[in-house]
Amino acid sequence: MEKRKSLEIAILGAVPGEVEPLYPLLSHPREIDLAGNAARTGIHLGKTMLIGVTGLGKVNAAITTATLLERFSAGAVWNIGSAGAYAGAHLQIGDVLITDQSIFGDEGVLMRNGVLSARSIGIPVLSGSAGEFHDRLPSDLHPMHKCIKMAAQPGPYRIIAGSSPGYAIPHTPAAPEATPPPDWREACFTLAYGPSLTVGMASGDPEVASQRYERYRACAENMEGSAVAHACFRFDTPVIECRGIANIAGNRDREQWNVDLALRNCHGIVLRLLQELRGRVPGHSPKPRKTPDKQGES
């Protein structure tokens, strides 16, 4: 078997628009093919990086991620893009969510009166050095996640103007008692950490979204996250997921979405992490501690 090439960070998005604004970051870029999807390798801040597209949905995401990890020994995979927030999670359009737990939204047993956990089947979705998992994969088992959270602590942020993509910095109001300006949501956003639900079919109306939120208590839903995480767990590779909130889940009126804002803020956090982690290689550390799927019964 051919020896895998070394790669420090791979940044993956489902569609070109989620990653193309980051291509200019790479010096000495080289285009490659990953199972039929476009990707580029290069150098940024002294790190060997890959930025590429997985394709929409779980199958595309898993195939592309597995292909990547067969060809490269990656220090970490960053899955970025947009997501729809559940109304009950109190995230707003433009906010950014870093996933601390990837939840499988389609695995289990479908009943007339609801869904039984995949744990009821009696077979884990994934078994490995980190334990057995049935319904969800924790992203915070690896020490890298602690570094990520230190580099970008939860709270309000804003994007430095004049650069594209822009860099996110913590936002400190001039006076706590001051009334925020009308355009506050456009200028500033909140970075949160929490669980994300991955589904094959996005919520088509508020009722479906509400049912999913009540069942899983996830902050947002997406269509690739758990698949990328699953592939990374299989290859013993650290993974993080960072997504901007483009819409409220269940609202299919695209006039009320803001994908551009979601991706601008997501990219701002990604740039912050790349800068703050400079000099620290988030590569293979000791294996994650063995922790069972405590919340498998969702």
Protein backbone atom coordinates (compact mmCIF):
# COMPACT_ATOMS: atom_id res chain seq x y z
CA MET A 1 0.00 0.00 0.00
CA GLU A 2 1.32 3.42 -1.00
CA LYS A 3 2.34 5.58 1.95
CA ARG A 4 -0.14 8.36 2.66
CA LYS A 5 1.01 11.94 2.21
CA SER A 6 1.04 14.15 5.28
CA LEU A 7 -1.52 16.93 5.64
CA GLU A 8 -2.06 19.10 8.70
CA ILE A 9 -5.59 20.43 8.12
CA ALA A 10 -8.30 19.49 5.62
CA ILE A 11 -11.22 21.91 5.30
CA LEU A 12 -14.31 20.42 3.66
CA GLY A 13 -17.65 21.93 2.64
CA ALA A 14 -20.63 20.33 0.95
CA VAL A 15 -20.85 22.75 -1.99
CA PRO A 16 -18.31 25.02 -3.73
CA GLY A 17 -19.73 28.23 -2.27
CA GLU A 18 -18.90 27.04 1.25
CA VAL A 19 -15.17 26.74 0.58
CA GLU A 20 -14.25 28.72 -2.55
CA PRO A 21 -13.78 32.02 -0.63
CA LEU A 22 -10.99 30.27 1.30
CA TYR A 23 -9.03 29.16 -1.78
CA PRO A 24 -7.00 32.43 -1.93
CA LEU A 25 -5.53 31.55 1.48
CA LEU A 26 -3.42 28.84 -0.11
CA SER A 27 0.03 29.57 -1.43
CA HIS A 28 1.48 27.20 -4.06
CA PRO A 29 -2.03 25.78 -4.73
CA ARG A 30 -2.44 22.50 -6.54
CA GLU A 31 -5.75 21.15 -7.77
CA ILE A 32 -6.57 17.52 -7.07
CA ASP A 33 -9.57 15.23 -7.45
CA LEU A 34 -11.24 13.52 -4.51
CA ALA A 35 -13.63 10.85 -5.74
CA GLY A 36 -14.89 13.18 -8.46
CA ASN A 37 -14.97 16.32 -6.31
CA ALA A 38 -12.64 19.29 -6.60
CA ALA A 39 -10.03 20.11 -3.95
CA ARG A 40 -6.89 22.19 -3.64
CA THR A 41 -3.79 21.65 -1.57
CA GLY A 42 -1.34 24.34 -0.52
CA ILE A 43 0.30 26.15 2.37
CA HIS A 44 -1.26 28.64 4.79
CA LEU A 45 0.56 30.09 7.79
CA GLY A 46 3.16 27.38 7.43
CA LYS A 47 0.62 24.56 7.54
CA THR A 48 -0.01 22.07 4.75
CA MET A 49 -3.71 22.30 3.99
CA LEU A 50 -6.40 20.95 1.73
CA ILE A 51 -9.63 22.78 0.94
CA GLY A 52 -12.28 20.82 -0.91
CA VAL A 53 -15.88 19.92 -1.69
CA THR A 54 -17.62 16.75 -0.52
CA GLY A 55 -20.92 17.02 -2.35
CA LEU A 56 -24.36 17.32 -0.78
CA GLY A 57 -25.63 14.78 1.72
CA LYS A 58 -24.29 12.02 3.94
CA VAL A 59 -23.20 9.52 1.29
CA ASN A 60 -21.20 12.08 -0.68
CA ALA A 61 -19.68 13.43 2.52
CA ALA A 62 -18.64 10.01 3.81
CA ILE A 63 -17.18 8.86 0.48
CA THR A 64 -15.17 12.03 -0.05
CA THR A 65 -13.89 12.13 3.53
CA ALA A 66 -12.88 8.48 3.41
CA THR A 67 -11.13 9.01 0.07
CA LEU A 68 -9.26 11.97 1.55
CA LEU A 69 -8.14 9.97 4.58
CA GLU A 70 -7.06 7.02 2.43
CA ARG A 71 -4.76 9.31 0.45
CA PHE A 72 -3.58 11.66 3.20
CA SER A 73 -2.55 11.28 6.81
CA ALA A 74 -4.48 14.32 8.01
CA GLY A 75 -3.85 15.97 11.35
CA ALA A 76 -7.46 17.16 11.48
CA VAL A 77 -10.57 17.56 9.33
CA TRP A 78 -12.63 20.74 9.60
CA ASN A 79 -16.16 20.45 8.23
CA ILE A 80 -17.58 23.91 7.49
CA GLY A 81 -20.62 25.46 5.85
CA SER A 82 -24.15 26.51 6.71
CA ALA A 83 -26.96 25.03 8.80
CA GLY A 84 -30.54 25.63 9.86
CA ALA A 85 -31.05 26.45 13.54
CA TYR A 86 -33.97 25.09 15.53
CA ALA A 87 -36.18 27.85 16.89
CA GLY A 88 -35.96 26.45 20.40
CA ALA A 89 -32.17 26.70 20.40
CA HIS A 90 -32.31 30.52 20.29
CA LEU A 91 -29.63 30.91 17.64
CA GLN A 92 -30.14 33.68 15.11
CA ILE A 93 -29.38 33.87 11.40
CA GLY A 94 -25.71 34.78 11.11
CA ASP A 95 -24.65 33.08 14.33
CA VAL A 96 -21.99 30.36 14.20
CA LEU A 97 -22.20 26.92 15.81
CA ILE A 98 -19.21 24.69 16.53
CA THR A 99 -20.48 21.16 17.06
CA ASP A 100 -19.58 19.34 20.25
CA GLN A 101 -21.74 16.33 19.41
CA SER A 102 -22.82 14.98 16.01
CA ILE A 103 -26.23 13.30 16.22
CA PHE A 104 -27.45 10.68 13.74
CA GLY A 105 -30.96 11.80 12.77
CA ASP A 106 -31.93 8.94 10.45
CA GLU A 107 -30.62 5.86 12.24
CA GLY A 108 -32.98 3.88 14.45
CA VAL A 109 -36.41 2.27 14.14
CA LEU A 110 -39.35 4.21 12.67
CA MET A 111 -42.61 3.54 14.52
CA ARG A 112 -46.13 4.81 13.97
CA ASN A 113 -45.90 6.93 17.09
CA GLY A 114 -42.29 8.03 16.81
CA VAL A 115 -38.70 6.87 16.43
CA LEU A 116 -36.81 4.38 18.54
CA SER A 117 -33.14 5.01 19.20
CA ALA A 118 -30.57 3.11 17.16
CA ARG A 119 -29.54 1.65 20.51
CA SER A 120 -32.75 -0.40 20.40
CA ILE A 121 -31.33 -2.34 17.44
CA GLY A 122 -28.56 -3.56 19.71
CA ILE A 123 -25.73 -2.89 17.27
CA PRO A 124 -23.51 0.20 17.63
CA VAL A 125 -23.13 2.45 14.59
CA LEU A 126 -19.44 2.71 15.41
CA SER A 127 -17.03 0.80 17.62
CA GLY A 128 -13.41 1.70 18.14
CA SER A 129 -10.70 2.86 20.49
CA ALA A 130 -12.95 5.65 21.78
CA GLY A 131 -15.79 3.28 22.70
CA GLU A 132 -19.16 2.25 21.25
CA PHE A 133 -21.55 4.79 19.77
CA HIS A 134 -25.16 4.35 18.72
CA ASP A 135 -26.79 7.72 18.12
CA ARG A 136 -24.17 10.40 18.39
CA LEU A 137 -20.46 11.05 18.13
CA PRO A 138 -18.80 13.46 20.58
CA SER A 139 -16.43 15.90 18.93
CA ASP A 140 -14.71 16.93 22.13
CA LEU A 141 -12.89 13.68 22.98
CA HIS A 142 -9.70 14.83 21.31
CA PRO A 143 -7.42 17.42 22.99
CA MET A 144 -7.66 19.54 19.83
CA HIS A 145 -11.20 20.52 20.77
CA LYS A 146 -9.96 22.17 23.96
CA CYS A 147 -7.48 24.21 21.91
CA ILE A 148 -10.30 25.20 19.55
CA LYS A 149 -12.49 26.39 22.40
CA MET A 150 -9.65 28.40 23.92
CA ALA A 151 -8.90 30.04 20.57
CA ALA A 152 -12.55 30.92 19.93
CA GLN A 153 -14.50 31.15 23.15
CA PRO A 154 -18.30 31.28 22.96
CA GLY A 155 -19.80 34.75 22.89
CA PRO A 156 -20.29 37.76 20.61
CA TYR A 157 -17.97 38.39 17.66
CA ARG A 158 -17.65 40.77 14.75
CA ILE A 159 -15.82 40.63 11.44
CA ILE A 160 -12.93 43.00 10.76
CA ALA A 161 -13.91 45.06 7.74
CA GLY A 162 -11.75 45.42 4.66
CA SER A 163 -10.68 41.85 4.10
CA SER A 164 -12.28 38.98 2.26
CA PRO A 165 -12.75 36.56 3.83
CA GLY A 166 -12.89 38.59 7.04
CA TYR A 167 -11.32 37.73 10.38
CA ALA A 168 -13.54 37.34 13.46
CA ILE A 169 -12.65 39.08 16.71
CA PRO A 170 -14.54 39.17 20.02
CA HIS A 171 -17.07 42.00 20.19
CA THR A 172 -17.15 44.13 23.33
CA PRO A 173 -20.01 46.67 23.49
CA ALA A 174 -18.86 50.20 24.27
CA ALA A 175 -21.34 50.44 27.13
CA PRO A 176 -23.32 47.50 28.55
CA GLU A 177 -26.40 49.68 29.05
CA ALA A 178 -26.30 51.12 25.53
CA THR A 179 -29.03 50.16 23.08
CA PRO A 180 -27.60 48.06 20.23
CA PRO A 181 -27.79 49.73 16.79
CA PRO A 182 -30.47 48.49 14.37
CA ASP A 183 -27.87 46.71 12.24
CA TRP A 184 -26.30 44.85 15.16
CA ARG A 185 -27.23 41.43 13.76
CA GLU A 186 -25.53 42.26 10.47
CA ALA A 187 -22.36 43.57 12.12
CA CYS A 188 -22.07 41.12 15.01
CA PHE A 189 -22.93 37.52 15.71
CA THR A 190 -22.77 34.92 18.46
CA LEU A 191 -20.44 31.92 18.48
CA ALA A 192 -21.96 28.94 20.29
CA TYR A 193 -20.95 25.35 21.01
CA GLY A 194 -23.57 22.61 21.01
CA PRO A 195 -25.00 19.48 19.37
CA SER A 196 -25.92 19.28 15.68
CA LEU A 197 -28.37 16.87 14.06
CA THR A 198 -27.53 15.35 10.68
CA VAL A 199 -30.47 14.31 8.50
CA GLY A 200 -31.02 13.03 4.99
CA MET A 201 -34.08 15.25 4.55
CA ALA A 202 -34.11 18.81 5.89
CA SER A 203 -37.10 19.95 7.95
CA GLY A 204 -39.78 21.10 5.52
CA ASP A 205 -42.03 22.95 7.93
CA PRO A 206 -41.97 24.34 11.48
CA GLU A 207 -43.86 21.33 12.89
CA VAL A 208 -41.25 18.82 11.69
CA ALA A 209 -38.45 21.07 12.95
CA SER A 210 -40.15 21.38 16.33
CA GLN A 211 -40.55 17.60 16.62
CA ARG A 212 -36.88 17.09 15.83
CA TYR A 213 -35.83 19.69 18.35
CA GLU A 214 -37.99 18.14 21.08
CA ARG A 215 -36.58 14.69 20.35
CA TYR A 216 -32.88 15.44 19.92
CA ARG A 217 -32.38 18.84 21.58
CA ALA A 218 -29.88 19.77 18.89
CA CYS A 219 -29.06 23.39 18.17
CA ALA A 220 -29.19 23.02 14.39
CA GLU A 221 -29.57 20.55 11.56
CA ASN A 222 -27.37 19.80 8.56
CA MET A 223 -26.99 17.10 5.92
CA GLU A 224 -23.33 16.01 6.21
CA GLY A 225 -21.94 16.50 9.71
CA SER A 226 -22.29 13.06 11.30
CA ALA A 227 -21.08 11.38 8.08
CA VAL A 228 -17.85 13.39 8.03
CA ALA A 229 -17.38 12.76 11.75
CA HIS A 230 -18.09 9.04 11.29
CA ALA A 231 -15.44 8.71 8.59
CA CYS A 232 -12.94 10.61 10.73
CA PHE A 233 -13.63 8.36 13.73
CA ARG A 234 -13.03 5.31 11.52
CA PHE A 235 -9.64 6.74 10.51
CA ASP A 236 -8.81 7.91 14.03
CA THR A 237 -8.61 11.52 12.83
CA PRO A 238 -9.70 14.55 14.89
CA VAL A 239 -12.68 16.43 13.46
CA ILE A 240 -14.46 19.69 14.12
CA GLU A 241 -17.62 21.07 12.54
CA CYS A 242 -18.17 24.83 12.21
CA ARG A 243 -21.33 26.16 10.54
CA GLY A 244 -22.98 29.51 10.10
CA ILE A 245 -26.73 29.71 10.65
CA ALA A 246 -28.39 30.54 7.32
CA ASN A 247 -32.03 29.95 8.24
CA ILE A 248 -34.42 28.77 10.90
CA ALA A 249 -35.05 25.06 10.36
CA GLY A 250 -38.48 24.39 8.88
CA ASN A 251 -38.73 27.77 7.15
CA ARG A 252 -38.33 27.09 3.43
CA ASP A 253 -38.90 30.70 2.35
CA ARG A 254 -35.49 31.54 0.91
CA GLU A 255 -36.30 35.24 1.05
CA GLN A 256 -35.87 34.89 4.81
CA TRP A 257 -32.54 33.05 4.56
CA ASN A 258 -29.11 34.66 4.56
CA VAL A 259 -26.54 32.16 3.34
CA ASP A 260 -23.99 34.85 2.52
CA LEU A 261 -24.04 36.19 6.09
CA ALA A 262 -23.83 32.68 7.53
CA LEU A 263 -20.79 31.81 5.44
CA ARG A 264 -19.10 35.17 6.02
CA ASN A 265 -19.25 34.64 9.77
CA CYS A 266 -18.33 30.96 9.56
CA HIS A 267 -15.27 31.83 7.48
CA GLY A 268 -14.38 34.55 9.98
CA ILE A 269 -14.26 32.00 12.79
CA VAL A 270 -12.28 29.57 10.62
CA LEU A 271 -9.69 32.27 9.91
CA ARG A 272 -9.52 33.08 13.60
CA LEU A 273 -8.89 29.45 14.47
CA LEU A 274 -6.19 29.11 11.83
CA GLN A 275 -4.44 32.22 13.14
CA GLU A 276 -4.81 31.45 16.84
CA LEU A 277 -3.65 27.85 16.40
CA ARG A 278 -0.59 28.94 14.45
CA GLY A 279 2.46 27.23 15.87
CA ARG A 280 0.31 24.49 17.36
CA VAL A 281 -0.14 21.51 15.10
CA PRO A 282 -3.55 19.95 15.85
CA GLY A 283 -2.37 16.59 14.68
CA HIS A 284 -2.44 13.09 16.04
CA SER A 285 -2.25 13.19 19.80
CA PRO A 286 -2.72 10.24 22.13
CA LYS A 287 -5.89 8.35 21.37
CA PRO A 288 -9.11 9.80 22.84
CA ARG A 289 -10.15 8.50 26.21
CA LYS A 290 -12.53 5.56 26.07
CA THR A 291 -15.96 6.96 26.76
CA PRO A 292 -19.20 5.04 26.15
CA ASP A 293 -22.17 6.53 24.33
CA LYS A 294 -23.83 7.91 27.45
CA GLN A 295 -26.54 9.68 25.52
CA GLY A 296 -27.25 6.98 22.99
CA GLU A 297 -30.88 6.78 24.09
CA SER A 298 -32.08 9.99 22.47
